[in-house]
N, C-alpha and C. Protein backbone atom coordinates (compact mmCIF):
# COMPACT_ATOMS: atom_id res chain seq x y z
N UNK A 1 -6.53 2.47 11.48
CA UNK A 1 -6.02 3.56 10.47
C UNK A 1 -6.57 2.32 9.54
N UNK A 2 -7.22 3.51 8.62
CA UNK A 2 -7.88 2.90 7.57
C UNK A 2 -6.91 1.93 6.78
N UNK A 3 -5.90 2.01 6.00
CA UNK A 3 -5.48 0.99 6.01
C UNK A 3 -4.25 0.28 6.11
N UNK A 4 -4.61 -0.06 7.38
CA UNK A 4 -4.32 -0.73 8.14
C UNK A 4 -5.47 -1.75 8.29
N UNK A 5 -6.27 -1.71 8.61
CA UNK A 5 -7.87 -2.28 8.78
C UNK A 5 -7.92 -2.39 7.63
N UNK A 6 -7.79 -2.03 6.68
CA UNK A 6 -8.42 -2.73 5.34
C UNK A 6 -7.16 -4.50 5.46
N UNK A 7 -5.35 -4.09 5.32
CA UNK A 7 -4.40 -4.88 5.54
C UNK A 7 -5.24 -5.71 6.35
N UNK A 8 -5.02 -5.66 7.06
CA UNK A 8 -5.37 -6.69 8.70
C UNK A 8 -6.73 -7.51 8.07
N UNK A 9 -8.00 -6.52 7.80
CA UNK A 9 -8.77 -7.80 6.93
C UNK A 9 -8.06 -9.32 5.88
N UNK A 10 -7.53 -8.09 5.18
CA UNK A 10 -6.76 -9.52 4.30
C UNK A 10 -6.32 -10.81 4.01
N UNK A 11 -4.93 -10.26 5.85
CA UNK A 11 -4.49 -11.49 5.90
C UNK A 11 -5.49 -12.92 8.07
N UNK A 12 -6.53 -11.63 7.77
CA UNK A 12 -7.36 -13.16 8.40
C UNK A 12 -8.21 -13.23 7.52
N UNK A 13 -8.30 -13.45 6.29
CA UNK A 13 -8.79 -14.84 4.99
C UNK A 13 -8.31 -15.54 4.94
N UNK A 14 -6.86 -15.23 4.45
CA UNK A 14 -6.11 -16.41 5.01
C UNK A 14 -5.97 -17.30 2.91
N UNK A 15 -5.99 -16.50 2.39
CA UNK A 15 -6.44 -16.88 1.07
C UNK A 15 -4.97 -17.20 0.29
N UNK A 16 -5.03 -18.39 0.31
CA UNK A 16 -3.91 -19.08 -0.07
C UNK A 16 -3.40 -18.51 -1.87
N UNK A 17 -1.77 -18.90 -1.37
CA UNK A 17 -0.58 -18.23 -2.35
C UNK A 17 0.06 -18.54 -2.91
N UNK A 18 0.62 -20.28 -3.33
CA UNK A 18 1.42 -20.79 -2.86
C UNK A 18 2.87 -20.20 -3.66
N UNK A 19 2.13 -18.81 -4.17
CA UNK A 19 3.91 -18.80 -5.17
C UNK A 19 4.96 -17.62 -4.11
N UNK A 20 3.78 -17.03 -2.63
CA UNK A 20 3.88 -16.51 -2.10
C UNK A 20 5.01 -17.73 -0.98
N UNK A 21 6.62 -16.28 -0.60
CA UNK A 21 6.93 -16.50 0.51
C UNK A 21 5.89 -17.30 1.83
N UNK A 22 5.58 -16.18 1.85
CA UNK A 22 3.44 -16.22 3.90
C UNK A 22 3.39 -17.22 3.21
N UNK A 23 2.76 -17.96 2.45
CA UNK A 23 1.88 -18.92 1.71
C UNK A 23 0.74 -18.55 2.11
N UNK A 24 0.78 -17.28 1.47
CA UNK A 24 -0.97 -16.35 1.72
C UNK A 24 -0.45 -15.14 0.54
N UNK A 25 -1.92 -13.96 0.72
CA UNK A 25 -2.05 -12.78 0.00
C UNK A 25 -2.04 -12.49 1.44
N UNK A 26 -1.13 -11.65 0.39
CA UNK A 26 -1.06 -10.74 1.32
C UNK A 26 -1.13 -8.60 0.74
N UNK A 27 -1.27 -7.95 2.00
CA UNK A 27 -0.98 -6.47 0.95
C UNK A 27 -0.99 -5.19 1.97
N UNK A 28 0.98 -4.52 1.36
CA UNK A 28 0.52 -2.86 1.29
C UNK A 28 0.37 -1.92 0.56
N UNK A 29 0.56 -0.82 1.85
CA UNK A 29 -0.15 0.63 1.59
C UNK A 29 0.95 1.33 1.69
N UNK A 30 0.70 2.40 0.56
CA UNK A 30 1.55 3.31 0.89
C UNK A 30 0.19 4.73 0.84
N UNK A 31 0.45 5.59 1.58
CA UNK A 31 -0.43 7.22 1.31
C UNK A 31 0.95 8.24 1.32
N UNK A 32 0.38 9.20 0.89
CA UNK A 32 0.98 10.71 1.18
C UNK A 32 0.68 11.82 1.14
N UNK A 33 0.97 12.60 2.12
CA UNK A 33 0.33 13.61 2.36
C UNK A 33 1.07 15.02 1.55
N UNK A 34 1.06 15.82 1.69
CA UNK A 34 1.66 17.25 0.59
C UNK A 34 0.99 18.37 0.31
N UNK A 35 1.71 19.52 0.16
CA UNK A 35 1.08 20.75 0.41
C UNK A 35 1.70 20.64 -1.40
N UNK A 36 0.79 20.60 -2.71
CA UNK A 36 1.17 20.80 -4.03
C UNK A 36 2.13 21.59 -4.66
N UNK A 37 2.81 21.18 -5.58
CA UNK A 37 4.15 22.04 -5.44
C UNK A 37 3.72 22.07 -6.75
N UNK A 38 4.44 23.28 -7.51
CA UNK A 38 4.04 23.70 -8.90
C UNK A 38 5.13 22.44 -10.12
N UNK A 39 4.33 22.22 -10.19
CA UNK A 39 4.90 21.31 -11.26
C UNK A 39 4.66 19.66 -11.27
N UNK A 40 4.21 19.54 -9.63
CA UNK A 40 3.65 18.48 -9.57
C UNK A 40 2.88 17.04 -10.27
N UNK A 41 3.04 16.02 -11.04
CA UNK A 41 1.85 15.44 -11.53
C UNK A 41 1.74 14.15 -10.67
N UNK A 42 0.84 13.27 -10.96
CA UNK A 42 1.03 12.10 -10.56
C UNK A 42 1.49 11.06 -10.43
N UNK A 43 2.88 11.16 -11.34
CA UNK A 43 4.27 10.02 -10.96
C UNK A 43 4.36 11.11 -9.72
N UNK A 44 4.72 12.04 -9.81
CA UNK A 44 5.64 12.25 -8.79
C UNK A 44 5.02 11.96 -7.50
N UNK A 45 3.49 12.57 -7.28
CA UNK A 45 2.56 12.41 -6.71
C UNK A 45 2.63 10.20 -5.92
N UNK A 46 2.24 9.46 -6.29
CA UNK A 46 2.88 7.93 -6.43
C UNK A 46 4.11 7.59 -6.14
N UNK A 47 5.32 8.10 -6.13
CA UNK A 47 6.99 8.09 -6.29
C UNK A 47 6.94 8.18 -4.89
N UNK A 48 6.26 9.51 -4.50
CA UNK A 48 6.77 9.57 -3.08
C UNK A 48 5.91 8.52 -2.09
N UNK A 49 4.50 8.10 -2.10
CA UNK A 49 3.87 7.63 -1.34
C UNK A 49 4.63 6.35 -1.70
N UNK A 50 5.04 5.63 -2.21
CA UNK A 50 6.08 4.50 -2.95
C UNK A 50 6.89 4.66 -1.78
N UNK A 51 7.92 5.27 -1.66
CA UNK A 51 8.57 6.04 -1.27
C UNK A 51 8.83 5.98 0.49
N UNK A 52 7.19 6.55 0.97
CA UNK A 52 6.64 6.48 2.24
C UNK A 52 6.47 4.37 2.89
N UNK A 53 6.40 4.06 1.59
CA UNK A 53 5.97 1.93 2.53
C UNK A 53 7.51 1.57 3.61
């Protein structure tokens, strides 16, 4: 999966982030695929992606 490859590449960089509980920069991605529904807007699609995390 493309998102996992990007996440792993970011993790491998070991960029320091003192404010993070992990001590380095991390990333997470959400994706959604769905049949369009009448009334769907960008907010609805983003919410579905967030819920998939």
